[in-house]
Amino acid sequence: MTSNNPAVFLLMVNGQIEAADGLEEGISQITSKGRGSQSLVWTFPLDITFKSTSPFGWPQIVVSVYGPYTFGNDVVRGYGAIHIPFTPGKHTKPIPMFVPESTSRLQKFTSWLMGRRPEFTDPKVVAQGEGREVTRVRSQGFVTLLFNIVTKDMKKLGYETTSEHSAATGLTRTSQKLQ
């Protein structure tokens, strides 16, 4: 393959998980709220590079926040996910966070007594919609991501990545001539 006819494109993400609003605590990077502040500030770095031939099923950033419970156990404080945009440039994206809830009063009481809350055993559940319609969840604030996107060879593979196109992904496929 020559560089004029690439077989793959690259998408580079560089940024940080900046802060959370509405969450009580988190331990992925230890932080605490300042006096009079409702935000947790992490400034947790992100540096990811993706190589692909197609944006179908494009990856997401999945965030899980845990914090200590009254009895000393670490319990889930929030889950959230966001699709990575294709549009080059600077992006600030809020990730809505949620926590699973017990389905009965007995389960709630048992969770409180044991110091364990309901949580997902597989983080893929957060990124996939399948099976989530039967899961009871409660909204739990937002985590803010601040990142830069750099792409390479997407236009050569027939993908337009300007902000004028799809608002969800910033991506449009142009027609290609096969040689």
N, C-alpha and C. Protein backbone atom coordinates (compact mmCIF):
# COMPACT_ATOMS: atom_id res chain seq x y z
N MET A 1 0.83 -1.19 0.00
CA MET A 1 0.00 0.00 0.00
C MET A 1 0.87 1.25 0.00
N THR A 2 0.47 2.21 -0.76
CA THR A 2 1.17 3.49 -0.75
C THR A 2 0.44 4.44 0.17
N SER A 3 1.11 5.49 0.56
CA SER A 3 0.47 6.46 1.46
C SER A 3 -0.62 7.26 0.76
N ASN A 4 -0.65 7.24 -0.60
CA ASN A 4 -1.70 7.94 -1.34
C ASN A 4 -3.02 7.18 -1.34
N ASN A 5 -2.96 5.88 -1.05
CA ASN A 5 -4.14 5.04 -1.04
C ASN A 5 -4.19 4.25 0.27
N PRO A 6 -4.51 4.90 1.38
CA PRO A 6 -4.46 4.23 2.68
C PRO A 6 -5.56 3.18 2.83
N ALA A 7 -5.28 2.16 3.64
CA ALA A 7 -6.26 1.12 3.93
C ALA A 7 -6.99 1.38 5.24
N VAL A 8 -6.44 2.25 6.08
CA VAL A 8 -7.04 2.55 7.38
C VAL A 8 -6.98 4.04 7.64
N PHE A 9 -7.78 4.49 8.60
CA PHE A 9 -7.67 5.86 9.07
C PHE A 9 -7.30 5.84 10.54
N LEU A 10 -6.77 6.95 11.01
CA LEU A 10 -6.40 7.10 12.42
C LEU A 10 -7.23 8.20 13.05
N LEU A 11 -7.60 8.02 14.30
CA LEU A 11 -8.28 9.04 15.07
C LEU A 11 -7.60 9.09 16.43
N MET A 12 -7.05 10.25 16.78
CA MET A 12 -6.34 10.41 18.03
C MET A 12 -7.14 11.30 18.98
N VAL A 13 -7.26 10.86 20.23
CA VAL A 13 -7.98 11.59 21.27
C VAL A 13 -6.97 11.94 22.35
N ASN A 14 -6.91 13.22 22.69
CA ASN A 14 -6.00 13.67 23.73
C ASN A 14 -6.77 14.67 24.58
N GLY A 15 -6.83 14.43 25.87
CA GLY A 15 -7.58 15.36 26.73
C GLY A 15 -7.60 14.90 28.15
N GLN A 16 -8.75 15.17 28.81
CA GLN A 16 -8.84 14.83 30.23
C GLN A 16 -10.28 14.68 30.67
N ILE A 17 -10.47 13.82 31.69
CA ILE A 17 -11.72 13.79 32.42
C ILE A 17 -11.58 14.90 33.43
N GLU A 18 -12.31 15.97 33.20
CA GLU A 18 -12.06 17.21 33.93
C GLU A 18 -12.70 17.26 35.31
N ALA A 19 -14.01 17.09 35.38
CA ALA A 19 -14.70 17.29 36.65
C ALA A 19 -16.04 16.57 36.64
N ALA A 20 -16.65 16.49 37.82
CA ALA A 20 -17.97 15.89 37.96
C ALA A 20 -18.85 16.81 38.78
N ASP A 21 -20.11 16.91 38.39
CA ASP A 21 -21.10 17.68 39.13
C ASP A 21 -22.21 16.74 39.56
N GLY A 22 -22.56 16.78 40.83
CA GLY A 22 -23.66 15.99 41.33
C GLY A 22 -23.24 14.69 41.95
N LEU A 23 -22.04 14.22 41.68
CA LEU A 23 -21.58 12.98 42.30
C LEU A 23 -21.04 13.29 43.69
N GLU A 24 -21.15 12.32 44.58
CA GLU A 24 -20.70 12.53 45.95
C GLU A 24 -19.18 12.39 46.07
N GLU A 25 -18.63 11.29 45.56
CA GLU A 25 -17.20 11.02 45.70
C GLU A 25 -16.74 10.17 44.55
N GLY A 26 -15.42 10.02 44.39
CA GLY A 26 -14.87 9.14 43.38
C GLY A 26 -13.46 8.72 43.72
N ILE A 27 -13.05 7.50 43.29
CA ILE A 27 -11.71 7.02 43.64
C ILE A 27 -10.85 6.65 42.44
N SER A 28 -11.31 6.85 41.20
CA SER A 28 -10.48 6.53 40.06
C SER A 28 -9.23 7.39 40.08
N GLN A 29 -9.36 8.56 40.56
CA GLN A 29 -8.28 9.45 40.91
C GLN A 29 -8.83 10.19 42.11
N ILE A 30 -8.20 10.10 43.22
CA ILE A 30 -8.78 10.59 44.47
C ILE A 30 -8.96 12.10 44.44
N THR A 31 -10.15 12.52 44.85
CA THR A 31 -10.48 13.94 44.91
C THR A 31 -11.55 14.16 45.98
N SER A 32 -11.75 15.38 46.36
CA SER A 32 -12.84 15.72 47.25
C SER A 32 -13.32 17.12 46.90
N LYS A 33 -14.54 17.42 47.33
CA LYS A 33 -15.12 18.73 47.04
C LYS A 33 -14.48 19.79 47.92
N GLY A 34 -14.24 20.96 47.32
CA GLY A 34 -13.74 22.09 48.09
C GLY A 34 -14.88 22.77 48.84
N ARG A 35 -14.55 23.68 49.71
CA ARG A 35 -15.59 24.40 50.45
C ARG A 35 -16.47 25.20 49.50
N GLY A 36 -17.76 25.01 49.64
CA GLY A 36 -18.71 25.75 48.83
C GLY A 36 -18.79 25.28 47.38
N SER A 37 -18.08 24.22 47.01
CA SER A 37 -18.08 23.73 45.64
C SER A 37 -18.94 22.48 45.52
N GLN A 38 -19.63 22.35 44.40
CA GLN A 38 -20.41 21.15 44.13
C GLN A 38 -19.70 20.23 43.14
N SER A 39 -18.48 20.61 42.71
CA SER A 39 -17.76 19.84 41.70
C SER A 39 -16.60 19.06 42.30
N LEU A 40 -16.34 17.90 41.70
CA LEU A 40 -15.13 17.13 41.97
C LEU A 40 -14.21 17.36 40.78
N VAL A 41 -12.98 17.77 41.01
CA VAL A 41 -12.06 18.04 39.91
C VAL A 41 -11.01 16.94 39.88
N TRP A 42 -10.92 16.24 38.72
CA TRP A 42 -9.94 15.17 38.57
C TRP A 42 -8.77 15.58 37.69
N THR A 43 -9.05 16.15 36.53
CA THR A 43 -8.05 16.42 35.50
C THR A 43 -7.29 15.13 35.18
N PHE A 44 -8.03 14.05 34.98
CA PHE A 44 -7.48 12.72 34.70
C PHE A 44 -7.15 12.62 33.21
N PRO A 45 -5.89 12.38 32.83
CA PRO A 45 -5.50 12.45 31.42
C PRO A 45 -6.04 11.31 30.56
N LEU A 46 -6.35 11.63 29.30
CA LEU A 46 -6.75 10.66 28.27
C LEU A 46 -5.80 10.80 27.10
N ASP A 47 -5.35 9.69 26.56
CA ASP A 47 -4.53 9.69 25.35
C ASP A 47 -4.77 8.37 24.64
N ILE A 48 -5.60 8.39 23.59
CA ILE A 48 -6.04 7.18 22.91
C ILE A 48 -5.87 7.38 21.41
N THR A 49 -5.42 6.35 20.71
CA THR A 49 -5.37 6.38 19.25
C THR A 49 -6.10 5.16 18.71
N PHE A 50 -7.01 5.40 17.76
CA PHE A 50 -7.78 4.33 17.13
C PHE A 50 -7.36 4.20 15.68
N LYS A 51 -7.30 2.96 15.20
CA LYS A 51 -6.99 2.66 13.80
C LYS A 51 -8.11 1.77 13.29
N SER A 52 -8.74 2.17 12.17
CA SER A 52 -9.88 1.42 11.68
C SER A 52 -10.06 1.62 10.18
N THR A 53 -10.89 0.75 9.60
CA THR A 53 -11.26 0.90 8.19
C THR A 53 -12.68 1.43 8.07
N SER A 54 -13.44 1.35 9.16
CA SER A 54 -14.84 1.77 9.13
C SER A 54 -15.24 2.32 10.50
N PRO A 55 -16.05 3.37 10.52
CA PRO A 55 -16.52 3.92 11.80
C PRO A 55 -17.72 3.18 12.37
N PHE A 56 -18.19 2.11 11.72
CA PHE A 56 -19.35 1.37 12.20
C PHE A 56 -19.06 0.81 13.60
N GLY A 57 -20.00 1.02 14.52
CA GLY A 57 -19.82 0.53 15.89
C GLY A 57 -18.71 1.25 16.61
N TRP A 58 -18.55 2.53 16.31
CA TRP A 58 -17.44 3.32 16.82
C TRP A 58 -17.35 3.26 18.34
N PRO A 59 -16.14 3.26 18.86
CA PRO A 59 -15.96 3.13 20.32
C PRO A 59 -16.52 4.30 21.11
N GLN A 60 -16.71 4.01 22.37
CA GLN A 60 -17.20 4.98 23.33
C GLN A 60 -16.22 5.06 24.49
N ILE A 61 -16.25 6.15 25.18
CA ILE A 61 -15.51 6.26 26.43
C ILE A 61 -16.52 5.94 27.53
N VAL A 62 -16.22 4.93 28.33
CA VAL A 62 -17.08 4.51 29.43
C VAL A 62 -16.40 4.91 30.73
N VAL A 63 -17.15 5.60 31.59
CA VAL A 63 -16.63 6.08 32.86
C VAL A 63 -17.40 5.40 34.00
N SER A 64 -16.65 4.86 34.96
CA SER A 64 -17.23 4.29 36.18
C SER A 64 -16.61 5.03 37.35
N VAL A 65 -17.45 5.56 38.22
CA VAL A 65 -16.97 6.30 39.39
C VAL A 65 -17.38 5.53 40.64
N TYR A 66 -16.41 5.28 41.51
CA TYR A 66 -16.66 4.58 42.77
C TYR A 66 -16.25 5.48 43.92
N GLY A 67 -16.85 5.24 45.07
CA GLY A 67 -16.50 6.00 46.26
C GLY A 67 -16.80 5.19 47.51
N PRO A 68 -16.22 5.57 48.64
CA PRO A 68 -16.43 4.80 49.88
C PRO A 68 -17.85 4.98 50.41
N TYR A 69 -18.36 3.90 50.98
CA TYR A 69 -19.68 3.88 51.59
C TYR A 69 -19.49 3.98 53.11
N THR A 70 -20.56 4.14 53.83
CA THR A 70 -20.51 4.30 55.28
C THR A 70 -19.69 3.22 55.98
N PHE A 71 -19.80 1.98 55.51
CA PHE A 71 -19.13 0.87 56.18
C PHE A 71 -17.74 0.59 55.61
N GLY A 72 -17.22 1.49 54.78
CA GLY A 72 -15.87 1.35 54.26
C GLY A 72 -15.75 0.65 52.92
N ASN A 73 -16.84 0.09 52.40
CA ASN A 73 -16.79 -0.55 51.08
C ASN A 73 -16.81 0.50 49.99
N ASP A 74 -16.12 0.22 48.90
CA ASP A 74 -16.22 1.09 47.72
C ASP A 74 -17.44 0.68 46.93
N VAL A 75 -18.33 1.64 46.67
CA VAL A 75 -19.56 1.36 45.94
C VAL A 75 -19.63 2.28 44.72
N VAL A 76 -20.43 1.86 43.74
CA VAL A 76 -20.57 2.65 42.52
C VAL A 76 -21.29 3.96 42.83
N ARG A 77 -20.74 5.05 42.32
CA ARG A 77 -21.37 6.38 42.45
C ARG A 77 -21.94 6.85 41.13
N GLY A 78 -21.53 6.20 40.03
CA GLY A 78 -22.09 6.57 38.73
C GLY A 78 -21.42 5.85 37.58
N TYR A 79 -22.21 5.58 36.53
CA TYR A 79 -21.73 5.04 35.26
C TYR A 79 -22.16 6.01 34.16
N GLY A 80 -21.38 6.08 33.11
CA GLY A 80 -21.76 6.89 31.96
C GLY A 80 -20.91 6.53 30.75
N ALA A 81 -21.39 6.89 29.56
CA ALA A 81 -20.67 6.60 28.33
C ALA A 81 -20.97 7.69 27.31
N ILE A 82 -20.01 7.89 26.42
CA ILE A 82 -20.18 8.87 25.34
C ILE A 82 -19.45 8.36 24.10
N HIS A 83 -20.07 8.56 22.92
CA HIS A 83 -19.41 8.21 21.66
C HIS A 83 -18.31 9.23 21.37
N ILE A 84 -17.22 8.76 20.83
CA ILE A 84 -16.12 9.65 20.47
C ILE A 84 -16.48 10.32 19.14
N PRO A 85 -16.48 11.65 19.09
CA PRO A 85 -16.83 12.34 17.83
C PRO A 85 -15.70 12.22 16.80
N PHE A 86 -16.07 12.33 15.52
CA PHE A 86 -15.09 12.27 14.43
C PHE A 86 -14.59 13.64 14.03
N THR A 87 -15.24 14.67 14.45
CA THR A 87 -14.91 16.02 14.02
C THR A 87 -13.61 16.47 14.68
N PRO A 88 -12.58 16.81 13.89
CA PRO A 88 -11.33 17.30 14.48
C PRO A 88 -11.56 18.60 15.24
N GLY A 89 -10.76 18.80 16.26
CA GLY A 89 -10.84 20.03 17.03
C GLY A 89 -11.05 19.77 18.51
N LYS A 90 -11.34 20.85 19.22
CA LYS A 90 -11.53 20.79 20.66
C LYS A 90 -13.00 20.51 20.98
N HIS A 91 -13.24 19.59 21.92
CA HIS A 91 -14.60 19.21 22.32
C HIS A 91 -14.71 19.22 23.84
N THR A 92 -15.83 19.70 24.34
CA THR A 92 -16.18 19.58 25.74
C THR A 92 -17.51 18.85 25.78
N LYS A 93 -17.53 17.68 26.39
CA LYS A 93 -18.73 16.84 26.39
C LYS A 93 -19.12 16.46 27.81
N PRO A 94 -20.36 16.74 28.20
CA PRO A 94 -20.85 16.24 29.49
C PRO A 94 -21.33 14.80 29.32
N ILE A 95 -20.96 13.94 30.25
CA ILE A 95 -21.44 12.55 30.25
C ILE A 95 -22.49 12.42 31.35
N PRO A 96 -23.75 12.15 30.99
CA PRO A 96 -24.76 11.93 32.03
C PRO A 96 -24.44 10.64 32.78
N MET A 97 -24.42 10.71 34.09
CA MET A 97 -24.10 9.55 34.93
C MET A 97 -25.37 8.98 35.54
N PHE A 98 -25.36 7.68 35.80
CA PHE A 98 -26.50 7.00 36.41
C PHE A 98 -26.00 5.87 37.29
N VAL A 99 -26.83 5.45 38.22
CA VAL A 99 -26.53 4.29 39.07
C VAL A 99 -27.70 3.32 39.02
N PRO A 100 -27.40 2.00 39.04
CA PRO A 100 -28.48 1.02 39.11
C PRO A 100 -29.18 1.10 40.47
N GLU A 101 -30.47 0.80 40.48
CA GLU A 101 -31.25 0.83 41.72
C GLU A 101 -31.79 -0.56 42.01
N SER A 102 -31.98 -0.85 43.28
CA SER A 102 -32.63 -2.09 43.68
C SER A 102 -34.08 -2.05 43.21
N THR A 103 -34.63 -3.22 42.90
CA THR A 103 -35.99 -3.25 42.36
C THR A 103 -37.05 -3.41 43.44
N SER A 104 -36.66 -3.76 44.66
CA SER A 104 -37.65 -3.92 45.72
C SER A 104 -37.15 -3.29 47.02
N ARG A 105 -38.07 -3.06 47.93
CA ARG A 105 -37.69 -2.49 49.23
C ARG A 105 -36.80 -3.45 50.00
N LEU A 106 -37.04 -4.74 49.87
CA LEU A 106 -36.23 -5.75 50.55
C LEU A 106 -34.78 -5.69 50.04
N GLN A 107 -34.63 -5.59 48.72
CA GLN A 107 -33.28 -5.48 48.16
C GLN A 107 -32.60 -4.19 48.60
N LYS A 108 -33.34 -3.09 48.66
CA LYS A 108 -32.77 -1.83 49.13
C LYS A 108 -32.30 -1.94 50.58
N PHE A 109 -33.12 -2.56 51.42
CA PHE A 109 -32.75 -2.73 52.83
C PHE A 109 -31.53 -3.64 52.96
N THR A 110 -31.50 -4.74 52.20
CA THR A 110 -30.36 -5.66 52.24
C THR A 110 -29.09 -4.96 51.75
N SER A 111 -29.20 -4.16 50.70
CA SER A 111 -28.05 -3.40 50.20
C SER A 111 -27.52 -2.45 51.26
N TRP A 112 -28.43 -1.76 51.94
CA TRP A 112 -28.03 -0.82 52.99
C TRP A 112 -27.37 -1.58 54.15
N LEU A 113 -27.97 -2.70 54.56
CA LEU A 113 -27.47 -3.48 55.69
C LEU A 113 -26.08 -4.06 55.40
N MET A 114 -25.87 -4.55 54.20
CA MET A 114 -24.60 -5.18 53.82
C MET A 114 -23.55 -4.16 53.36
N GLY A 115 -23.98 -2.94 53.12
CA GLY A 115 -23.04 -1.93 52.63
C GLY A 115 -22.65 -2.14 51.18
N ARG A 116 -23.50 -2.78 50.41
CA ARG A 116 -23.25 -3.03 48.98
C ARG A 116 -24.43 -2.48 48.19
N ARG A 117 -24.14 -1.79 47.10
CA ARG A 117 -25.19 -1.29 46.22
C ARG A 117 -25.21 -2.12 44.95
N PRO A 118 -26.32 -2.09 44.22
CA PRO A 118 -26.34 -2.79 42.93
C PRO A 118 -25.30 -2.18 41.98
N GLU A 119 -24.61 -3.03 41.23
CA GLU A 119 -23.65 -2.54 40.24
C GLU A 119 -23.56 -3.53 39.09
N PHE A 120 -23.06 -3.06 37.96
CA PHE A 120 -22.88 -3.91 36.80
C PHE A 120 -21.58 -4.69 36.94
N THR A 121 -21.62 -5.97 36.61
CA THR A 121 -20.39 -6.77 36.67
C THR A 121 -19.57 -6.64 35.39
N ASP A 122 -20.22 -6.21 34.31
CA ASP A 122 -19.53 -6.05 33.04
C ASP A 122 -19.69 -4.60 32.56
N PRO A 123 -18.57 -3.85 32.39
CA PRO A 123 -18.69 -2.45 31.96
C PRO A 123 -19.28 -2.28 30.55
N LYS A 124 -19.33 -3.35 29.76
CA LYS A 124 -19.93 -3.26 28.42
C LYS A 124 -21.42 -2.94 28.49
N VAL A 125 -22.06 -3.28 29.60
CA VAL A 125 -23.50 -3.01 29.77
C VAL A 125 -23.76 -1.50 29.66
N VAL A 126 -22.83 -0.70 30.15
CA VAL A 126 -22.98 0.76 30.11
C VAL A 126 -22.95 1.27 28.68
N ALA A 127 -22.10 0.69 27.84
CA ALA A 127 -21.93 1.16 26.47
C ALA A 127 -23.00 0.61 25.53
N GLN A 128 -23.62 -0.48 25.87
CA GLN A 128 -24.61 -1.10 25.00
C GLN A 128 -26.02 -0.82 25.51
N GLY A 129 -26.94 -0.66 24.61
CA GLY A 129 -28.32 -0.44 25.00
C GLY A 129 -29.07 -1.74 25.27
N GLU A 130 -28.52 -2.86 24.80
CA GLU A 130 -29.20 -4.14 24.90
C GLU A 130 -29.37 -4.58 26.36
N GLY A 131 -30.60 -4.83 26.76
CA GLY A 131 -30.89 -5.29 28.10
C GLY A 131 -31.05 -4.17 29.13
N ARG A 132 -30.71 -2.95 28.75
CA ARG A 132 -30.80 -1.85 29.71
C ARG A 132 -32.23 -1.37 29.93
N GLU A 133 -33.14 -1.71 29.01
CA GLU A 133 -34.52 -1.23 29.16
C GLU A 133 -35.21 -1.86 30.37
N VAL A 134 -34.69 -2.96 30.89
CA VAL A 134 -35.28 -3.61 32.06
C VAL A 134 -34.51 -3.30 33.34
N THR A 135 -33.50 -2.45 33.23
CA THR A 135 -32.69 -2.10 34.39
C THR A 135 -33.18 -0.78 34.97
N ARG A 136 -33.45 -0.77 36.25
CA ARG A 136 -33.88 0.45 36.94
C ARG A 136 -32.65 1.25 37.32
N VAL A 137 -32.59 2.51 36.88
CA VAL A 137 -31.45 3.38 37.18
C VAL A 137 -31.93 4.73 37.67
N ARG A 138 -31.03 5.46 38.31
CA ARG A 138 -31.31 6.81 38.80
C ARG A 138 -30.21 7.74 38.28
N SER A 139 -30.60 8.92 37.81
CA SER A 139 -29.65 9.92 37.33
C SER A 139 -28.75 10.36 38.48
N GLN A 140 -27.45 10.56 38.17
CA GLN A 140 -26.49 10.85 39.24
C GLN A 140 -25.47 11.90 38.81
N GLY A 141 -25.89 12.98 38.20
CA GLY A 141 -24.99 14.06 37.86
C GLY A 141 -24.31 13.89 36.51
N PHE A 142 -23.20 14.62 36.33
CA PHE A 142 -22.48 14.63 35.06
C PHE A 142 -20.98 14.61 35.31
N VAL A 143 -20.25 13.99 34.37
CA VAL A 143 -18.79 14.07 34.33
C VAL A 143 -18.45 14.82 33.06
N THR A 144 -17.53 15.78 33.13
CA THR A 144 -17.17 16.59 31.97
C THR A 144 -15.86 16.09 31.37
N LEU A 145 -15.90 15.81 30.06
CA LEU A 145 -14.70 15.44 29.31
C LEU A 145 -14.29 16.61 28.45
N LEU A 146 -13.01 16.92 28.44
CA LEU A 146 -12.44 17.96 27.61
C LEU A 146 -11.34 17.29 26.80
N PHE A 147 -11.47 17.29 25.45
CA PHE A 147 -10.47 16.59 24.65
C PHE A 147 -10.35 17.18 23.25
N ASN A 148 -9.25 16.85 22.61
CA ASN A 148 -8.96 17.26 21.24
C ASN A 148 -8.96 16.03 20.35
N ILE A 149 -9.48 16.19 19.14
CA ILE A 149 -9.53 15.11 18.16
C ILE A 149 -8.66 15.49 16.97
N VAL A 150 -7.80 14.56 16.57
CA VAL A 150 -6.98 14.71 15.37
C VAL A 150 -7.22 13.48 14.52
N THR A 151 -7.47 13.67 13.21
CA THR A 151 -7.71 12.54 12.31
C THR A 151 -6.66 12.51 11.21
N LYS A 152 -6.47 11.32 10.65
CA LYS A 152 -5.53 11.15 9.53
C LYS A 152 -6.14 10.16 8.55
N ASP A 153 -6.15 10.53 7.28
CA ASP A 153 -6.57 9.70 6.16
C ASP A 153 -8.07 9.40 6.11
N MET A 154 -8.89 10.08 6.87
CA MET A 154 -10.33 9.84 6.79
C MET A 154 -10.89 10.34 5.46
N LYS A 155 -10.43 11.50 5.03
CA LYS A 155 -10.92 12.05 3.76
C LYS A 155 -10.49 11.16 2.59
N LYS A 156 -9.28 10.59 2.67
CA LYS A 156 -8.80 9.70 1.61
C LYS A 156 -9.63 8.42 1.51
N LEU A 157 -10.27 8.02 2.62
CA LEU A 157 -11.15 6.85 2.61
C LEU A 157 -12.59 7.22 2.31
N GLY A 158 -12.85 8.51 2.05
CA GLY A 158 -14.18 8.94 1.65
C GLY A 158 -15.06 9.47 2.76
N TYR A 159 -14.49 9.79 3.90
CA TYR A 159 -15.27 10.31 5.02
C TYR A 159 -15.03 11.79 5.19
N GLU A 160 -16.12 12.57 5.20
CA GLU A 160 -16.04 14.01 5.49
C GLU A 160 -16.19 14.18 6.99
N THR A 161 -15.33 14.98 7.59
CA THR A 161 -15.37 15.13 9.06
C THR A 161 -15.47 16.60 9.46
N THR A 162 -16.39 17.31 8.86
CA THR A 162 -16.58 18.71 9.22
C THR A 162 -17.79 18.85 10.11
N SER A 163 -17.86 19.92 10.86
CA SER A 163 -18.97 20.13 11.78
C SER A 163 -20.28 20.46 11.06
N GLU A 164 -20.24 20.67 9.75
CA GLU A 164 -21.45 20.97 8.99
C GLU A 164 -22.32 19.74 8.79
N HIS A 165 -21.75 18.56 9.00
CA HIS A 165 -22.47 17.32 8.73
C HIS A 165 -23.18 16.83 9.99
N SER A 166 -23.37 15.55 10.09
CA SER A 166 -24.14 14.96 11.18
C SER A 166 -23.75 15.50 12.54
N ALA A 167 -24.72 16.01 13.27
CA ALA A 167 -24.46 16.57 14.59
C ALA A 167 -24.02 15.51 15.58
N ALA A 168 -24.52 14.28 15.41
CA ALA A 168 -24.18 13.21 16.36
C ALA A 168 -22.73 12.78 16.24
N THR A 169 -22.23 12.59 15.02
CA THR A 169 -20.87 12.08 14.85
C THR A 169 -19.97 13.02 14.09
N GLY A 170 -20.55 13.99 13.37
CA GLY A 170 -19.74 14.87 12.53
C GLY A 170 -19.18 14.13 11.33
N LEU A 171 -19.86 13.08 10.87
CA LEU A 171 -19.32 12.21 9.83
C LEU A 171 -20.31 12.01 8.70
N THR A 172 -19.82 12.11 7.47
CA THR A 172 -20.61 11.82 6.28
C THR A 172 -19.74 11.03 5.33
N ARG A 173 -20.29 10.00 4.73
CA ARG A 173 -19.54 9.19 3.77
C ARG A 173 -19.76 9.77 2.39
N THR A 174 -18.68 10.07 1.68
CA THR A 174 -18.78 10.56 0.31
C THR A 174 -18.60 9.36 -0.62
N SER A 175 -19.07 9.50 -1.85
CA SER A 175 -18.93 8.38 -2.80
C SER A 175 -17.48 8.24 -3.23
N GLN A 176 -17.09 7.00 -3.43
CA GLN A 176 -15.72 6.70 -3.85
C GLN A 176 -15.74 6.01 -5.20
N LYS A 177 -14.73 6.28 -6.00
CA LYS A 177 -14.57 5.58 -7.26
C LYS A 177 -13.58 4.44 -7.04
N LEU A 178 -13.99 3.23 -7.38
CA LEU A 178 -13.09 2.07 -7.27
C LEU A 178 -12.25 2.00 -8.53
N GLN A 179 -10.98 1.75 -8.34
CA GLN A 179 -10.10 1.66 -9.52
C GLN A 179 -9.61 0.26 -9.72
